[in-house]
C-alpha atoms as a PDB file:
ATOM      1  CA  GLN A   1       0.000   0.000   0.000  1.00  0.00           C
ATOM      2  CA  VAL A   2       2.806   2.376   0.918  1.00  0.00           C
ATOM      3  CA  GLN A   3       6.238   2.231  -0.618  1.00  0.00           C
ATOM      4  CA  LEU A   4       9.413   4.121   0.209  1.00  0.00           C
ATOM      5  CA  VAL A   5      12.086   4.193  -2.469  1.00  0.00           C
ATOM      6  CA  GLU A   6      15.582   5.494  -1.779  1.00  0.00           C
ATOM      7  CA  SER A   7      18.042   6.750  -4.334  1.00  0.00           C
ATOM      8  CA  GLY A   8      21.343   8.560  -4.487  1.00  0.00           C
ATOM      9  CA  GLY A   9      23.672   6.082  -2.859  1.00  0.00           C
ATOM     10  CA  GLY A  10      26.918   4.990  -4.372  1.00  0.00           C
ATOM     11  CA  LEU A  11      30.677   5.108  -4.135  1.00  0.00           C
ATOM     12  CA  VAL A  12      32.316   8.359  -3.148  1.00  0.00           C
ATOM     13  CA  GLN A  13      35.805   9.355  -2.083  1.00  0.00           C
ATOM     14  CA  PRO A  14      36.515  10.607   1.425  1.00  0.00           C
ATOM     15  CA  GLY A  15      35.644  14.267   1.644  1.00  0.00           C
ATOM     16  CA  GLY A  16      33.043  13.962  -1.057  1.00  0.00           C
ATOM     17  CA  SER A  17      29.308  14.494  -0.920  1.00  0.00           C
ATOM     18  CA  LEU A  18      26.131  12.584  -1.583  1.00  0.00           C
ATOM     19  CA  ARG A  19      22.492  13.512  -1.635  1.00  0.00           C
ATOM     20  CA  LEU A  20      20.096  10.732  -0.740  1.00  0.00           C
ATOM     21  CA  SER A  21      16.428  10.908  -1.615  1.00  0.00           C
ATOM     22  CA  CYS A  22      13.463   8.926  -0.372  1.00  0.00           C
ATOM     23  CA  ALA A  23      10.058   9.228  -1.959  1.00  0.00           C
ATOM     24  CA  ALA A  24       6.940   7.799  -0.355  1.00  0.00           C
ATOM     25  CA  SER A  25       4.045   6.738  -2.516  1.00  0.00           C
ATOM     26  CA  GLY A  26       0.735   4.990  -2.109  1.00  0.00           C
ATOM     27  CA  SER A  27      -2.333   5.683  -0.051  1.00  0.00           C
ATOM     28  CA  ILE A  28      -0.989   8.410   2.215  1.00  0.00           C
ATOM     29  CA  PHE A  29      -3.100  10.675   4.332  1.00  0.00           C
ATOM     30  CA  SER A  30      -0.217  12.331   6.116  1.00  0.00           C
ATOM     31  CA  ILE A  31       3.411  11.825   7.061  1.00  0.00           C
ATOM     32  CA  SER A  32       4.649  12.885  10.452  1.00  0.00           C
ATOM     33  CA  GLY A  33       8.268  12.035  11.160  1.00  0.00           C
ATOM     34  CA  MET A  34      10.745  11.036   8.498  1.00  0.00           C
ATOM     35  CA  GLY A  35      14.296   9.947   9.020  1.00  0.00           C
ATOM     36  CA  TRP A  36      17.400   8.232   7.805  1.00  0.00           C
ATOM     37  CA  TYR A  37      19.017   5.284   9.523  1.00  0.00           C
ATOM     38  CA  ARG A  38      22.152   3.412   8.614  1.00  0.00           C
ATOM     39  CA  GLN A  39      23.582   0.012   9.346  1.00  0.00           C
ATOM     40  CA  ALA A  40      27.131  -1.117   8.796  1.00  0.00           C
ATOM     41  CA  PRO A  41      28.069  -4.811   8.727  1.00  0.00           C
ATOM     42  CA  GLY A  42      28.089  -6.270  12.214  1.00  0.00           C
ATOM     43  CA  LYS A  43      26.747  -3.086  13.746  1.00  0.00           C
ATOM     44  CA  GLN A  44      23.439  -1.935  15.120  1.00  0.00           C
ATOM     45  CA  ARG A  45      21.169   0.156  12.964  1.00  0.00           C
ATOM     46  CA  GLU A  46      21.425   3.747  14.106  1.00  0.00           C
ATOM     47  CA  LEU A  47      19.583   6.968  13.509  1.00  0.00           C
ATOM     48  CA  VAL A  48      21.440   9.406  11.282  1.00  0.00           C
ATOM     49  CA  ALA A  49      18.923  12.218  11.106  1.00  0.00           C
ATOM     50  CA  ALA A  50      15.229  12.815  11.579  1.00  0.00           C
ATOM     51  CA  ILE A  51      12.805  15.563  10.707  1.00  0.00           C
ATOM     52  CA  THR A  52       9.269  16.256  11.853  1.00  0.00           C
ATOM     53  CA  SER A  53       6.418  17.487   9.724  1.00  0.00           C
ATOM     54  CA  GLY A  54       7.061  20.944  11.137  1.00  0.00           C
ATOM     55  CA  GLY A  55      10.713  20.920  10.155  1.00  0.00           C
ATOM     56  CA  SER A  56      12.379  20.210  13.484  1.00  0.00           C
ATOM     57  CA  THR A  57      15.538  18.166  13.009  1.00  0.00           C
ATOM     58  CA  ASN A  58      17.723  15.850  14.997  1.00  0.00           C
ATOM     59  CA  TYR A  59      21.157  14.535  14.052  1.00  0.00           C
ATOM     60  CA  ALA A  60      23.511  11.905  15.297  1.00  0.00           C
ATOM     61  CA  ASP A  61      26.627  13.410  16.828  1.00  0.00           C
ATOM     62  CA  SER A  62      28.791  11.634  14.280  1.00  0.00           C
ATOM     63  CA  VAL A  63      27.233  13.508  11.357  1.00  0.00           C
ATOM     64  CA  LYS A  64      26.262  16.784  12.967  1.00  0.00           C
ATOM     65  CA  GLY A  65      27.615  19.812  11.167  1.00  0.00           C
ATOM     66  CA  ARG A  66      28.156  18.097   7.835  1.00  0.00           C
ATOM     67  CA  THR A  67      24.730  16.615   7.254  1.00  0.00           C
ATOM     68  CA  THR A  68      21.400  18.209   6.455  1.00  0.00           C
ATOM     69  CA  ILE A  69      18.034  16.512   6.409  1.00  0.00           C
ATOM     70  CA  SER A  70      15.162  18.175   4.612  1.00  0.00           C
ATOM     71  CA  ARG A  71      11.770  17.281   3.238  1.00  0.00           C
ATOM     72  CA  ASP A  72       9.375  18.314   0.549  1.00  0.00           C
ATOM     73  CA  ASN A  73       5.928  17.624   1.918  1.00  0.00           C
ATOM     74  CA  ALA A  74       4.229  18.220  -1.412  1.00  0.00           C
ATOM     75  CA  LYS A  75       6.330  15.441  -2.916  1.00  0.00           C
ATOM     76  CA  ASN A  76       6.327  13.161   0.141  1.00  0.00           C
ATOM     77  CA  THR A  77      10.082  13.131  -0.124  1.00  0.00           C
ATOM     78  CA  VAL A  78      12.891  13.377   2.398  1.00  0.00           C
ATOM     79  CA  TYR A  79      16.495  14.183   1.550  1.00  0.00           C
ATOM     80  CA  LEU A  80      19.804  13.642   3.257  1.00  0.00           C
ATOM     81  CA  GLN A  81      22.681  15.823   2.129  1.00  0.00           C
ATOM     82  CA  MET A  82      25.980  14.466   3.394  1.00  0.00           C
ATOM     83  CA  ASN A  83      29.215  16.379   2.997  1.00  0.00           C
ATOM     84  CA  SER A  84      32.778  15.705   4.071  1.00  0.00           C
ATOM     85  CA  LEU A  85      32.096  12.005   3.956  1.00  0.00           C
ATOM     86  CA  LYS A  86      34.310   9.678   5.937  1.00  0.00           C
ATOM     87  CA  PRO A  87      35.024   5.964   5.551  1.00  0.00           C
ATOM     88  CA  GLU A  88      33.084   5.360   8.753  1.00  0.00           C
ATOM     89  CA  ASP A  89      29.982   6.671   6.983  1.00  0.00           C
ATOM     90  CA  THR A  90      29.993   3.514   4.881  1.00  0.00           C
ATOM     91  CA  ALA A  91      26.734   1.671   5.499  1.00  0.00           C
ATOM     92  CA  VAL A  92      23.379   0.798   4.073  1.00  0.00           C
ATOM     93  CA  TYR A  93      21.133   3.794   4.546  1.00  0.00           C
ATOM     94  CA  TYR A  94      17.441   3.253   5.175  1.00  0.00           C
ATOM     95  CA  CYS A  95      14.633   5.724   4.891  1.00  0.00           C
ATOM     96  CA  ASN A  96      11.939   5.647   7.547  1.00  0.00           C
ATOM     97  CA  ALA A  97       8.595   7.406   7.645  1.00  0.00           C
ATOM     98  CA  ARG A  98       5.690   7.414  10.039  1.00  0.00           C
ATOM     99  CA  ILE A  99       2.648   7.481   7.808  1.00  0.00           C
ATOM    100  CA  GLN A 100      -1.055   7.781   8.470  1.00  0.00           C
ATOM    101  CA  THR A 101      -3.051   5.830   5.923  1.00  0.00           C
ATOM    102  CA  THR A 102      -6.408   5.881   7.736  1.00  0.00           C
ATOM    103  CA  GLY A 103      -8.143   8.310  10.000  1.00  0.00           C
ATOM    104  CA  TRP A 104      -6.315   7.213  13.154  1.00  0.00           C
ATOM    105  CA  VAL A 105      -3.668   4.634  12.390  1.00  0.00           C
ATOM    106  CA  ARG A 106      -0.008   5.534  11.966  1.00  0.00           C
ATOM    107  CA  ASN A 107       2.665   3.015  11.069  1.00  0.00           C
ATOM    108  CA  ASP A 108       6.377   3.074  10.395  1.00  0.00           C
ATOM    109  CA  TYR A 109       7.492   2.225   6.884  1.00  0.00           C
ATOM    110  CA  TRP A 110      10.976   1.458   5.649  1.00  0.00           C
ATOM    111  CA  GLY A 111      12.728   1.717   2.354  1.00  0.00           C
ATOM    112  CA  GLN A 112      14.774  -1.086   0.878  1.00  0.00           C
ATOM    113  CA  GLY A 113      18.056   0.592   1.686  1.00  0.00           C
ATOM    114  CA  THR A 114      20.726   2.207  -0.432  1.00  0.00           C
ATOM    115  CA  GLN A 115      24.430   1.483  -0.145  1.00  0.00           C
ATOM    116  CA  VAL A 116      26.814   4.311   0.622  1.00  0.00           C
ATOM    117  CA  THR A 117      30.477   3.451   0.327  1.00  0.00           C
ATOM    118  CA  VAL A 118      33.161   5.978   1.190  1.00  0.00           C
ATOM    119  CA  SER A 119      36.518   4.766  -0.020  1.00  0.00           C
ATOM    120  CA  SER A 120      39.517   5.914  -1.983  1.00  0.00           C
END
């Protein structure tokens, strides 16, 4: 019913930049919080950045200052701009969105993940 599709991942050199996009589609009444998580091999999935419907943001300390999360509510899309990328940023990045599809029910939806590899 609801699908989240990420794009923008790939291979980038240390110090480079990437812009990830996640577009939600389907039967959507509203989207509250949206965020980006990442998971490296053998590690726990962690929150990278989150943004509310009102535009309030939250960032992991490891990416703060070089990462910007934004959203286009009209397009049901969230973006993650990452600059000054480091090898430790290498992970699969997942888009998350809390979506209301009925009058009262909200559920979390996840994208399929997009690989970000930072290596020279």
